[in-house]
Amino acid sequence: MSPLRWVTRRLVAADRRIRHDLRMTVDVLTDRGSRPAVLYLLALAAAGLSFLLFLTGESGTPDSLEFGLLISSFGVVLYMSLRQAGMAPRRGR
């Protein structure tokens, strides 16, 4: 097998793998069943990043970026809580 053919096959295989991984990622992100987990992980990541930035900061007080990350984390959790509460079954119906 020539080196050019070998490289071409490797590139085609890598392209197929990347397309498959992207398709699976989009499927997970758009799946209604996994949406709460993805959004809670997003909130956890934002809060964790805010905490890490605060620990590595030198001012001793939170700056606007850290505060914004905390507010966005709170907003995502509040959104998910309200959304889940709206989907709960009603008693007596």
Protein backbone atom coordinates (compact mmCIF):
# COMPACT_ATOMS: atom_id res chain seq x y z
CA MET A 1 0.00 0.00 0.00
CA SER A 2 1.41 3.34 -0.94
CA PRO A 3 1.93 5.96 1.76
CA LEU A 4 -0.46 8.35 0.01
CA ARG A 5 -3.26 5.77 0.00
CA TRP A 6 -2.59 4.98 3.67
CA VAL A 7 -2.78 8.67 4.65
CA THR A 8 -5.95 9.13 2.60
CA ARG A 9 -7.65 6.19 4.32
CA ARG A 10 -6.64 7.52 7.74
CA LEU A 11 -8.04 10.97 6.93
CA VAL A 12 -11.33 9.54 5.67
CA ALA A 13 -11.64 7.37 8.77
CA ALA A 14 -10.91 10.35 11.03
CA ASP A 15 -13.51 12.43 9.18
CA ARG A 16 -16.13 9.72 9.65
CA ARG A 17 -15.29 9.43 13.34
CA ILE A 18 -15.52 13.20 13.88
CA ARG A 19 -18.87 13.37 12.08
CA HIS A 20 -20.18 10.47 14.16
CA ASP A 21 -18.99 12.06 17.42
CA LEU A 22 -20.57 15.40 16.49
CA ARG A 23 -23.84 13.70 15.60
CA MET A 24 -23.85 11.84 18.94
CA THR A 25 -23.06 15.06 20.84
CA VAL A 26 -25.93 16.89 19.15
CA ASP A 27 -28.24 13.96 19.89
CA VAL A 28 -27.33 14.04 23.60
CA LEU A 29 -27.67 17.82 23.84
CA THR A 30 -31.06 17.88 22.11
CA ASP A 31 -32.54 14.81 23.80
CA ARG A 32 -35.35 15.78 26.16
CA GLY A 33 -34.37 13.06 28.61
CA SER A 34 -30.80 14.23 29.04
CA ARG A 35 -31.56 17.98 29.00
CA PRO A 36 -31.85 18.32 32.81
CA ALA A 37 -28.54 16.56 33.38
CA VAL A 38 -26.77 18.66 30.74
CA LEU A 39 -28.16 21.91 32.15
CA TYR A 40 -27.31 20.97 35.74
CA LEU A 41 -23.77 20.11 34.61
CA LEU A 42 -23.61 23.51 32.91
CA ALA A 43 -24.68 25.21 36.15
CA LEU A 44 -22.14 23.20 38.14
CA ALA A 45 -19.38 24.08 35.68
CA ALA A 46 -20.23 27.80 35.84
CA ALA A 47 -20.26 27.79 39.64
CA GLY A 48 -17.02 25.79 39.78
CA LEU A 49 -15.30 28.13 37.35
CA SER A 50 -16.43 31.11 39.39
CA PHE A 51 -15.03 29.51 42.55
CA LEU A 52 -11.72 28.70 40.86
CA LEU A 53 -11.42 32.24 39.54
CA PHE A 54 -12.11 33.58 43.03
CA LEU A 55 -9.44 31.33 44.55
CA THR A 56 -6.84 32.32 41.98
CA GLY A 57 -7.75 36.01 42.09
CA GLU A 58 -5.65 38.42 44.07
CA SER A 59 -8.22 41.05 45.04
CA GLY A 60 -10.01 39.03 47.74
CA THR A 61 -13.41 40.15 46.47
CA PRO A 62 -15.39 38.73 43.56
CA ASP A 63 -15.16 40.68 40.33
CA SER A 64 -17.89 41.06 37.71
CA LEU A 65 -16.96 37.87 35.82
CA GLU A 66 -17.14 35.72 38.96
CA PHE A 67 -20.41 37.35 39.97
CA GLY A 68 -21.83 36.84 36.47
CA LEU A 69 -20.90 33.17 36.50
CA LEU A 70 -22.62 32.70 39.85
CA ILE A 71 -25.75 34.50 38.67
CA SER A 72 -25.84 32.43 35.47
CA SER A 73 -25.44 29.24 37.49
CA PHE A 74 -28.30 30.29 39.76
CA GLY A 75 -30.41 31.21 36.72
CA VAL A 76 -29.93 27.80 35.10
CA VAL A 77 -30.84 25.98 38.33
CA LEU A 78 -33.89 28.22 38.83
CA TYR A 79 -34.99 27.64 35.22
CA MET A 80 -34.66 23.87 35.59
CA SER A 81 -36.47 23.86 38.94
CA LEU A 82 -39.39 25.86 37.55
CA ARG A 83 -39.50 23.75 34.41
CA GLN A 84 -39.54 20.51 36.41
CA ALA A 85 -42.21 21.89 38.74
CA GLY A 86 -44.37 22.80 35.76
CA MET A 87 -44.15 19.24 34.44
CA ALA A 88 -45.16 17.57 37.71
CA PRO A 89 -48.41 15.64 37.74
CA ARG A 90 -51.32 17.44 39.42
CA ARG A 91 -53.25 15.87 42.29
CA GLY A 92 -56.94 15.23 41.83
CA ARG A 93 -56.92 15.41 38.03
